[in-house]
């Protein structure tokens, strides 16, 4: 599905003059591809026409569309670009940096190589948290603490070094636009936006516009990115109910990632309560109905649980992945290998 082998054995072209050479032109895709191999042409002449026999033509790099994605990898740490490139995953959600810092940023050349890798063409989405600030990112400054700057809120007690942010603040949004520019410079196909559900925290704090603020922020990221790359993809993670609350949200995204829909909601490798699963599916079906790609991420290791998560997700038309919550390994689940 990812490395396309096109065998064109006979191409007949009629010419009025004998001895005229024939040429072959390859159609261009929506995106430029890195490793197209030109064909040789063997020409047999007759008195009235020229028969061009096209030798086997190899197109090793066709860009994938979202509609062709039937498997994906989600790994943020310990990323081995060679191993990921050798895998057959269609889509990869990864960090833009090997260690999250500016010093560890992957180069544009590395990203280009990974997109057109031996395992097949890949769509690359870069992880970016927009509902929390991370103190190991390039934008973090010495002396920052809750309240300074004004948009920086309390630390997440479950994730040391991650701080809630008033995401509607123009200064924070400017930082995120700059972050998006780095992803564009590196050549990523899109962005995977995390902590969308931060709006719930601020709604509980009494901010009546919290949901609309988040929808507006995602829309602004899309506008900013697409001013440079009209095909740049926007994938939020979690918060699917926003599509029910504010239907226009669907116009700003190309898909969604949803965690814990079948396993992990109450603990890793634990079944998610059926009522929670049903509610999440009802929201995700809005995305499917709008032609968006739905990625599901469950955290389980028991083989029967892994199989169950894949079966349930695929039965709904979603694309599943089951891994460990640390997102620190290249997981290939037996019986569910990428193809």
Protein backbone atom coordinates (compact mmCIF):
# COMPACT_ATOMS: atom_id res chain seq x y z
CA UNK A 1 0.00 0.00 0.00
CA UNK A 2 2.93 2.28 0.60
CA UNK A 3 5.58 1.26 -1.94
CA UNK A 4 3.84 1.19 -5.27
CA UNK A 5 5.26 -0.97 -8.07
CA UNK A 6 3.83 0.01 -11.42
CA UNK A 7 4.62 -2.37 -14.28
CA UNK A 8 3.86 -0.84 -17.64
CA UNK A 9 4.85 -3.37 -20.27
CA UNK A 10 3.36 -2.06 -23.48
CA UNK A 11 2.74 1.54 -24.40
CA UNK A 12 1.83 1.98 -28.02
CA UNK A 13 2.33 5.38 -29.59
CA UNK A 14 1.53 6.16 -33.19
CA UNK A 15 3.79 8.55 -35.03
CA UNK A 16 3.71 9.74 -38.63
CA UNK A 17 7.46 9.61 -39.09
CA UNK A 18 9.65 6.57 -38.62
CA UNK A 19 12.63 6.78 -36.31
CA UNK A 20 11.06 9.38 -33.96
CA UNK A 21 12.02 8.70 -30.36
CA UNK A 22 9.41 8.15 -27.67
CA UNK A 23 9.44 9.55 -24.16
CA UNK A 24 7.54 8.86 -20.97
CA UNK A 25 6.19 11.45 -18.55
CA UNK A 26 5.19 10.66 -14.99
CA UNK A 27 2.17 12.41 -13.46
CA UNK A 28 2.92 14.55 -10.45
CA UNK A 29 1.09 14.02 -7.15
CA UNK A 30 -0.35 16.61 -4.82
CA UNK A 31 2.90 16.69 -2.88
CA UNK A 32 6.39 16.50 -4.30
CA UNK A 33 7.95 13.08 -3.77
CA UNK A 34 11.57 12.46 -3.05
CA UNK A 35 12.55 9.28 -4.84
CA UNK A 36 10.92 8.78 -8.19
CA UNK A 37 12.79 6.49 -10.58
CA UNK A 38 12.58 7.36 -14.25
CA UNK A 39 11.87 4.59 -16.72
CA UNK A 40 13.93 3.45 -19.66
CA UNK A 41 12.16 3.07 -22.99
CA UNK A 42 12.93 0.38 -25.53
CA UNK A 43 11.78 1.47 -28.98
CA UNK A 44 10.86 -0.92 -31.80
CA UNK A 45 10.39 0.70 -35.21
CA UNK A 46 8.03 -0.34 -37.98
CA UNK A 47 7.35 1.35 -41.29
CA UNK A 48 4.16 3.04 -40.06
CA UNK A 49 4.28 3.32 -36.30
CA UNK A 50 6.59 3.26 -33.37
CA UNK A 51 5.90 0.79 -30.55
CA UNK A 52 7.46 1.87 -27.30
CA UNK A 53 7.92 -0.90 -24.77
CA UNK A 54 8.23 0.59 -21.33
CA UNK A 55 10.55 -1.29 -19.02
CA UNK A 56 9.30 -1.96 -15.46
CA UNK A 57 8.65 1.39 -13.84
CA UNK A 58 9.24 1.78 -10.15
CA UNK A 59 7.53 4.54 -8.23
CA UNK A 60 9.00 4.13 -4.79
CA UNK A 61 7.43 7.28 -3.41
CA UNK A 62 3.76 8.01 -3.81
CA UNK A 63 2.35 10.40 -1.19
CA UNK A 64 -0.33 8.79 0.95
CA UNK A 65 -3.75 10.28 1.44
CA UNK A 66 -5.58 10.00 4.76
CA UNK A 67 -8.02 7.65 3.09
CA UNK A 68 -5.20 5.15 2.59
CA UNK A 69 -4.22 5.05 6.25
CA UNK A 70 -5.15 1.77 7.92
CA UNK A 71 -2.51 1.63 10.65
CA UNK A 72 -0.44 4.10 12.67
CA UNK A 73 2.31 4.39 15.26
CA UNK A 74 2.26 6.68 18.29
CA UNK A 75 5.70 7.03 19.87
CA UNK A 76 7.09 10.13 21.54
CA UNK A 77 10.24 8.85 23.25
CA UNK A 78 13.21 6.63 22.37
CA UNK A 79 12.47 7.10 18.70
CA UNK A 80 14.79 5.22 16.35
CA UNK A 81 14.23 6.84 12.97
CA UNK A 82 15.72 3.90 11.10
CA UNK A 83 13.48 1.39 12.86
CA UNK A 84 10.40 3.54 12.33
CA UNK A 85 11.35 4.00 8.69
CA UNK A 86 11.72 0.26 8.22
CA UNK A 87 8.26 -0.33 9.69
CA UNK A 88 5.20 -0.43 7.46
CA UNK A 89 3.12 2.04 9.47
CA UNK A 90 1.19 4.47 7.27
CA UNK A 91 1.06 7.34 9.76
CA UNK A 92 3.37 8.23 12.63
CA UNK A 93 2.64 10.52 15.57
CA UNK A 94 6.01 11.59 16.96
CA UNK A 95 7.81 14.42 18.70
CA UNK A 96 9.60 16.95 16.54
CA UNK A 97 12.69 16.41 18.69
CA UNK A 98 14.57 13.33 19.86
CA UNK A 99 14.42 14.51 23.48
CA UNK A 100 11.82 17.28 23.39
CA UNK A 101 14.40 20.05 23.42
CA UNK A 102 15.52 22.48 20.73
CA UNK A 103 18.94 20.82 20.68
CA UNK A 104 17.36 17.50 19.79
CA UNK A 105 15.21 18.76 16.91
CA UNK A 106 15.10 16.43 13.93
CA UNK A 107 16.39 18.05 10.76
CA UNK A 108 14.33 18.64 7.65
CA UNK A 109 16.51 16.07 5.90
CA UNK A 110 15.74 13.46 8.55
CA UNK A 111 12.01 14.12 8.31
CA UNK A 112 12.08 13.96 4.52
CA UNK A 113 13.93 10.64 4.66
CA UNK A 114 11.43 9.21 7.13
CA UNK A 115 8.47 10.27 5.00
CA UNK A 116 9.91 8.35 2.04
CA UNK A 117 11.47 5.45 3.94
CA UNK A 118 12.14 1.81 3.01
CA UNK A 119 9.08 0.61 4.91
CA UNK A 120 6.87 2.78 2.74
CA UNK A 121 5.47 6.27 2.46
CA UNK A 122 4.47 7.79 5.78
CA UNK A 123 2.35 10.70 6.95
CA UNK A 124 4.15 12.37 9.86
CA UNK A 125 2.26 14.28 12.56
CA UNK A 126 4.25 16.17 15.18
CA UNK A 127 2.98 16.16 18.75
CA UNK A 128 2.32 19.60 20.22
CA UNK A 129 0.67 20.40 23.54
CA UNK A 130 -1.49 23.51 23.32
CA UNK A 131 -3.38 23.19 26.61
CA UNK A 132 -0.29 22.92 28.80
CA UNK A 133 3.20 24.41 28.74
CA UNK A 134 6.18 22.05 29.09
CA UNK A 135 9.28 23.29 30.88
CA UNK A 136 11.69 21.40 28.60
CA UNK A 137 10.52 23.07 25.38
CA UNK A 138 12.41 25.74 23.46
CA UNK A 139 10.02 28.48 24.53
CA UNK A 140 10.45 27.99 28.30
CA UNK A 141 12.32 30.78 30.07
CA UNK A 142 14.15 30.88 33.38
CA UNK A 143 12.11 32.45 36.13
CA UNK A 144 8.75 31.38 34.80
CA UNK A 145 6.29 30.23 37.44
CA UNK A 146 2.50 30.17 37.82
CA UNK A 147 1.28 33.72 37.26
CA UNK A 148 4.49 34.82 35.56
CA UNK A 149 3.82 35.14 32.67
CA UNK A 150 0.14 35.87 33.21
CA UNK A 151 -1.08 32.99 31.05
CA UNK A 152 0.92 30.36 32.99
CA UNK A 153 -1.26 28.48 35.48
CA UNK A 154 -0.66 25.74 38.05
CA UNK A 155 1.50 22.67 37.51
CA UNK A 156 -0.18 19.43 36.52
CA UNK A 157 0.20 17.19 39.60
CA UNK A 158 0.27 14.09 37.41
CA UNK A 159 2.95 15.34 35.00
CA UNK A 160 5.88 17.16 36.58
CA UNK A 161 7.06 20.07 34.46
CA UNK A 162 3.73 20.49 32.68
CA UNK A 163 1.68 23.59 33.48
CA UNK A 164 -1.86 24.51 32.66
CA UNK A 165 -2.15 27.57 30.45
CA UNK A 166 -4.81 30.15 29.73
CA UNK A 167 -4.81 29.07 26.11
CA UNK A 168 -6.95 31.96 24.90
CA UNK A 169 -4.22 34.44 25.87
CA UNK A 170 -2.67 36.04 22.73
CA UNK A 171 0.87 35.70 24.12
CA UNK A 172 0.50 31.93 24.57
CA UNK A 173 -1.06 31.60 21.15
CA UNK A 174 1.86 33.49 19.62
CA UNK A 175 4.22 30.93 21.17
CA UNK A 176 2.19 28.09 19.67
CA UNK A 177 2.17 29.73 16.24
CA UNK A 178 5.96 29.90 16.46
CA UNK A 179 6.04 26.24 17.49
CA UNK A 180 3.89 25.41 14.45
CA UNK A 181 6.39 27.25 12.23
CA UNK A 182 9.13 24.95 13.49
CA UNK A 183 7.07 21.94 12.47
CA UNK A 184 6.49 23.44 9.05
CA UNK A 185 10.19 24.21 8.66
CA UNK A 186 11.01 20.59 9.49
CA UNK A 187 8.62 19.31 6.85
CA UNK A 188 6.00 17.56 8.97
CA UNK A 189 2.70 16.77 7.25
CA UNK A 190 0.65 17.98 10.17
CA UNK A 191 0.30 18.45 13.90
CA UNK A 192 -1.20 16.34 16.68
CA UNK A 193 -2.63 18.73 19.26
CA UNK A 194 -2.72 17.57 22.86
CA UNK A 195 -4.53 18.78 25.98
CA UNK A 196 -7.55 19.91 24.02
CA UNK A 197 -9.59 18.92 27.06
CA UNK A 198 -7.96 21.72 29.06
CA UNK A 199 -11.15 23.61 28.28
CA UNK A 200 -12.98 21.40 30.81
CA UNK A 201 -10.76 22.63 33.63
CA UNK A 202 -11.44 26.27 32.84
CA UNK A 203 -15.15 25.65 32.33
CA UNK A 204 -15.22 24.25 35.86
CA UNK A 205 -13.40 27.40 37.00
CA UNK A 206 -16.31 29.43 35.64
CA UNK A 207 -15.08 30.50 32.20
CA UNK A 208 -18.28 30.34 30.15
CA UNK A 209 -16.45 30.59 26.82
CA UNK A 210 -13.86 27.88 27.55
CA UNK A 211 -15.10 25.45 24.87
CA UNK A 212 -15.47 28.12 22.21
CA UNK A 213 -12.04 29.50 23.12
CA UNK A 214 -10.47 26.12 22.41
CA UNK A 215 -12.34 25.70 19.13
CA UNK A 216 -11.21 29.17 18.09
CA UNK A 217 -7.61 28.37 19.03
CA UNK A 218 -7.55 25.18 16.94
CA UNK A 219 -9.07 27.10 14.03
CA UNK A 220 -6.40 29.80 14.37
CA UNK A 221 -3.62 27.19 14.31
CA UNK A 222 -5.08 25.78 11.11
CA UNK A 223 -5.26 29.21 9.47
CA UNK A 224 -1.69 30.02 10.51
CA UNK A 225 -0.29 26.72 9.23
CA UNK A 226 -2.21 26.66 5.98
CA UNK A 227 -0.99 30.10 5.05
CA UNK A 228 2.32 28.30 4.45
CA UNK A 229 1.20 24.77 3.57
CA UNK A 230 -2.32 24.39 2.21
CA UNK A 231 -2.27 20.65 2.94
CA UNK A 232 -1.06 20.84 6.55
CA UNK A 233 -3.08 18.43 8.70
CA UNK A 234 -4.70 19.25 12.04
CA UNK A 235 -5.40 16.36 14.44
CA UNK A 236 -6.57 17.13 17.97
CA UNK A 237 -6.29 14.47 20.66
CA UNK A 238 -9.33 13.82 22.87
CA UNK A 239 -12.16 16.26 23.51
CA UNK A 240 -14.40 14.80 20.74
CA UNK A 241 -17.51 16.21 22.40
CA UNK A 242 -16.53 19.63 21.04
CA UNK A 243 -17.86 18.45 17.67
CA UNK A 244 -21.24 17.95 19.30
CA UNK A 245 -21.20 21.21 21.25
CA UNK A 246 -19.82 23.33 18.41
CA UNK A 247 -20.31 21.59 15.03
CA UNK A 248 -18.12 24.15 13.23
CA UNK A 249 -15.17 22.52 15.02
CA UNK A 250 -15.24 19.80 12.36
CA UNK A 251 -14.32 22.38 9.73
CA UNK A 252 -10.99 23.04 11.44
CA UNK A 253 -9.68 19.48 11.75
CA UNK A 254 -8.71 16.64 9.44
CA UNK A 255 -9.15 13.92 12.00
CA UNK A 256 -8.90 13.16 15.69
CA UNK A 257 -7.02 10.89 18.07
CA UNK A 258 -8.90 9.41 21.02
CA UNK A 259 -7.26 7.76 24.00
CA UNK A 260 -8.66 5.12 26.37
CA UNK A 261 -11.83 4.43 24.41
CA UNK A 262 -11.71 0.66 25.00
CA UNK A 263 -8.89 0.17 27.50
CA UNK A 264 -7.11 2.50 29.89
CA UNK A 265 -9.81 4.91 31.03
CA UNK A 266 -9.71 3.64 34.62
CA UNK A 267 -6.22 2.16 34.48
CA UNK A 268 -3.83 0.62 32.00
CA UNK A 269 -5.00 -2.74 30.64
CA UNK A 270 -8.39 -2.23 32.29
CA UNK A 271 -11.58 -2.20 30.18
CA UNK A 272 -13.15 1.21 29.80
CA UNK A 273 -16.70 1.29 31.23
CA UNK A 274 -19.21 0.52 28.45
CA UNK A 275 -21.15 3.74 28.97
CA UNK A 276 -17.97 5.79 28.51
CA UNK A 277 -17.09 3.84 25.37
CA UNK A 278 -20.58 4.36 23.95
CA UNK A 279 -20.47 8.09 24.64
CA UNK A 280 -17.05 8.51 23.06
CA UNK A 281 -18.11 6.48 20.02
CA UNK A 282 -21.16 8.68 19.55
CA UNK A 283 -18.91 11.74 19.34
CA UNK A 284 -16.29 10.08 17.16
CA UNK A 285 -19.00 9.00 14.75
CA UNK A 286 -19.57 12.70 14.05
CA UNK A 287 -16.00 12.86 12.75
CA UNK A 288 -16.44 9.73 10.64
CA UNK A 289 -19.67 11.15 9.23
CA UNK A 290 -17.80 14.29 8.25
CA UNK A 291 -15.16 12.27 6.40
CA UNK A 292 -12.47 12.69 9.06
CA UNK A 293 -9.91 10.06 10.06
CA UNK A 294 -10.38 8.72 13.59
CA UNK A 295 -7.35 7.25 15.37
CA UNK A 296 -7.89 5.32 18.60
CA UNK A 297 -5.17 4.83 21.20
CA UNK A 298 -5.66 2.24 23.93
CA UNK A 299 -3.23 1.26 26.66
CA UNK A 300 -3.19 -2.51 27.14
CA UNK A 301 -0.74 -5.41 27.09
CA UNK A 302 -2.90 -8.50 27.63
CA UNK A 303 -3.20 -10.13 24.19
CA UNK A 304 -6.96 -10.64 24.50
CA UNK A 305 -7.42 -6.99 25.41
CA UNK A 306 -5.25 -5.88 22.52
CA UNK A 307 -7.26 -8.02 20.10
CA UNK A 308 -10.53 -6.71 21.51
CA UNK A 309 -9.48 -3.08 21.15
CA UNK A 310 -8.47 -3.58 17.52
CA UNK A 311 -11.68 -5.44 16.68
CA UNK A 312 -13.97 -2.87 18.29
CA UNK A 313 -12.17 0.11 16.79
CA UNK A 314 -12.07 -1.33 13.29
CA UNK A 315 -15.75 -2.32 13.45
CA UNK A 316 -16.56 1.38 13.86
CA UNK A 317 -14.40 2.46 10.94
CA UNK A 318 -11.64 3.84 13.17
CA UNK A 319 -7.91 3.12 12.90
CA UNK A 320 -6.60 1.51 16.12
CA UNK A 321 -3.28 1.38 17.93
CA UNK A 322 -2.60 -0.29 21.28
CA UNK A 323 0.59 0.42 23.19
CA UNK A 324 2.04 1.36 26.59
CA UNK A 325 1.19 4.71 28.14
CA UNK A 326 4.82 5.77 28.21
CA UNK A 327 4.71 5.96 24.40
CA UNK A 328 8.37 5.04 24.48
CA UNK A 329 8.53 1.97 22.26
CA UNK A 330 7.88 0.94 18.69
CA UNK A 331 4.95 -1.35 19.39
CA UNK A 332 3.97 -3.97 16.83
CA UNK A 333 1.11 -6.07 18.15
CA UNK A 334 1.09 -9.73 17.01
CA UNK A 335 -1.78 -10.33 14.64
CA UNK A 336 -2.12 -6.60 14.00
CA UNK A 337 1.11 -5.89 12.17
CA UNK A 338 1.13 -2.83 9.90
CA UNK A 339 0.85 -3.62 6.22
